[in-house]
Every structure is written in structure tokens, then in C-alpha cells.
């Protein structure tokens, strides 16, 4: 396998992982928001949104 093909394969694997991570985080955030109560801390929502933003940035930067 040529170096170019290896690079393309690695980028494909990275994009697949980032898509999985984004999907998993989207689901967690949706579940968290749907189950909020007045006493629930919102730090978890903030962490999940930050995680989604970071994942989108990685996809845009490395996988386009």
C-alpha cells in the first residue's frame, strides 16, 4: 500500500471515529436535556456541547 493510500485510510478511520463520537455525544446530550430537573447540574450539558463543538472542528479541519 502506498503512503498516499495509508494516509487516506487513516483519515477515513479518523472520520469514522469522529462521526461515532459526535453521534454518541449528541445522544447523551439529548437524553440529558430530556431528563433535566430543576436540581440537575448543567455542567454536564456544557461538557457535552464542548465535546460536540470540538468534534465538529476536528472533522472540518482534518476530514474534508
C-alpha atoms as a PDB file:
ATOM      1  CA  UNK A   1       0.000   0.000   0.000  1.00  0.00           C
ATOM      2  CA  UNK A   2       1.391   3.378  -0.963  1.00  0.00           C
ATOM      3  CA  UNK A   3       1.966   6.173   1.524  1.00  0.00           C
ATOM      4  CA  UNK A   4      -0.879   8.175  -0.030  1.00  0.00           C
ATOM      5  CA  UNK A   5      -3.257   5.236   0.366  1.00  0.00           C
ATOM      6  CA  UNK A   6      -2.197   4.812   4.005  1.00  0.00           C
ATOM      7  CA  UNK A   7      -2.854   8.491   4.652  1.00  0.00           C
ATOM      8  CA  UNK A   8      -6.298   8.263   3.048  1.00  0.00           C
ATOM      9  CA  UNK A   9      -7.094   5.123   5.042  1.00  0.00           C
ATOM     10  CA  UNK A  10      -6.033   6.778   8.302  1.00  0.00           C
ATOM     11  CA  UNK A  11      -8.132   9.860   7.540  1.00  0.00           C
ATOM     12  CA  UNK A  12     -11.101   7.611   6.797  1.00  0.00           C
ATOM     13  CA  UNK A  13     -10.666   5.806  10.119  1.00  0.00           C
ATOM     14  CA  UNK A  14     -10.336   9.138  11.950  1.00  0.00           C
ATOM     15  CA  UNK A  15     -13.502  10.488  10.326  1.00  0.00           C
ATOM     16  CA  UNK A  16     -15.411   7.306  11.180  1.00  0.00           C
ATOM     17  CA  UNK A  17     -14.294   7.596  14.808  1.00  0.00           C
ATOM     18  CA  UNK A  18     -15.182  11.299  14.979  1.00  0.00           C
ATOM     19  CA  UNK A  19     -18.609  10.628  13.445  1.00  0.00           C
ATOM     20  CA  UNK A  20     -19.176   7.910  16.064  1.00  0.00           C
ATOM     21  CA  UNK A  21     -18.026  10.221  18.870  1.00  0.00           C
ATOM     22  CA  UNK A  22     -20.314  13.022  17.642  1.00  0.00           C
ATOM     23  CA  UNK A  23     -23.299  10.689  17.377  1.00  0.00           C
ATOM     24  CA  UNK A  24     -22.683   9.263  20.848  1.00  0.00           C
ATOM     25  CA  UNK A  25     -22.344  12.746  22.360  1.00  0.00           C
ATOM     26  CA  UNK A  26     -25.458  14.003  20.536  1.00  0.00           C
ATOM     27  CA  UNK A  27     -27.416  11.108  22.040  1.00  0.00           C
ATOM     28  CA  UNK A  28     -26.057  11.747  25.532  1.00  0.00           C
ATOM     29  CA  UNK A  29     -26.895  15.443  25.287  1.00  0.00           C
ATOM     30  CA  UNK A  30     -30.400  14.738  24.023  1.00  0.00           C
ATOM     31  CA  UNK A  31     -31.012  12.245  26.833  1.00  0.00           C
ATOM     32  CA  UNK A  32     -29.626  14.643  29.416  1.00  0.00           C
ATOM     33  CA  UNK A  33     -31.742  17.571  28.210  1.00  0.00           C
ATOM     34  CA  UNK A  34     -34.890  15.439  28.062  1.00  0.00           C
ATOM     35  CA  UNK A  35     -34.351  14.266  31.651  1.00  0.00           C
ATOM     36  CA  UNK A  36     -33.414  17.586  33.279  1.00  0.00           C
ATOM     37  CA  UNK A  37     -34.884  18.529  36.610  1.00  0.00           C
ATOM     38  CA  UNK A  38     -34.553  21.812  38.458  1.00  0.00           C
ATOM     39  CA  UNK A  39     -31.859  20.335  40.676  1.00  0.00           C
ATOM     40  CA  UNK A  40     -29.760  18.845  37.840  1.00  0.00           C
ATOM     41  CA  UNK A  41     -26.375  20.464  37.319  1.00  0.00           C
ATOM     42  CA  UNK A  42     -25.873  21.965  33.886  1.00  0.00           C
ATOM     43  CA  UNK A  43     -22.139  21.302  33.848  1.00  0.00           C
ATOM     44  CA  UNK A  44     -22.758  18.014  32.040  1.00  0.00           C
ATOM     45  CA  UNK A  45     -24.622  19.843  29.241  1.00  0.00           C
ATOM     46  CA  UNK A  46     -21.764  22.315  28.912  1.00  0.00           C
ATOM     47  CA  UNK A  47     -19.222  19.469  28.685  1.00  0.00           C
ATOM     48  CA  UNK A  48     -21.285  17.670  26.067  1.00  0.00           C
ATOM     49  CA  UNK A  49     -21.728  20.795  23.934  1.00  0.00           C
ATOM     50  CA  UNK A  50     -17.989  21.490  24.166  1.00  0.00           C
ATOM     51  CA  UNK A  51     -17.305  17.902  23.106  1.00  0.00           C
ATOM     52  CA  UNK A  52     -19.629  18.228  20.100  1.00  0.00           C
ATOM     53  CA  UNK A  53     -18.012  21.524  19.096  1.00  0.00           C
ATOM     54  CA  UNK A  54     -14.514  20.016  19.350  1.00  0.00           C
ATOM     55  CA  UNK A  55     -15.577  17.014  17.274  1.00  0.00           C
ATOM     56  CA  UNK A  56     -17.055  19.232  14.547  1.00  0.00           C
ATOM     57  CA  UNK A  57     -13.843  21.277  14.489  1.00  0.00           C
ATOM     58  CA  UNK A  58     -11.755  18.121  14.105  1.00  0.00           C
ATOM     59  CA  UNK A  59     -13.954  16.841  11.286  1.00  0.00           C
ATOM     60  CA  UNK A  60     -13.842  20.190   9.475  1.00  0.00           C
ATOM     61  CA  UNK A  61     -10.081  20.537   9.920  1.00  0.00           C
ATOM     62  CA  UNK A  62      -8.839  17.032   9.212  1.00  0.00           C
ATOM     63  CA  UNK A  63     -11.504  15.188   7.258  1.00  0.00           C
ATOM     64  CA  UNK A  64     -12.591  17.499   4.450  1.00  0.00           C
END
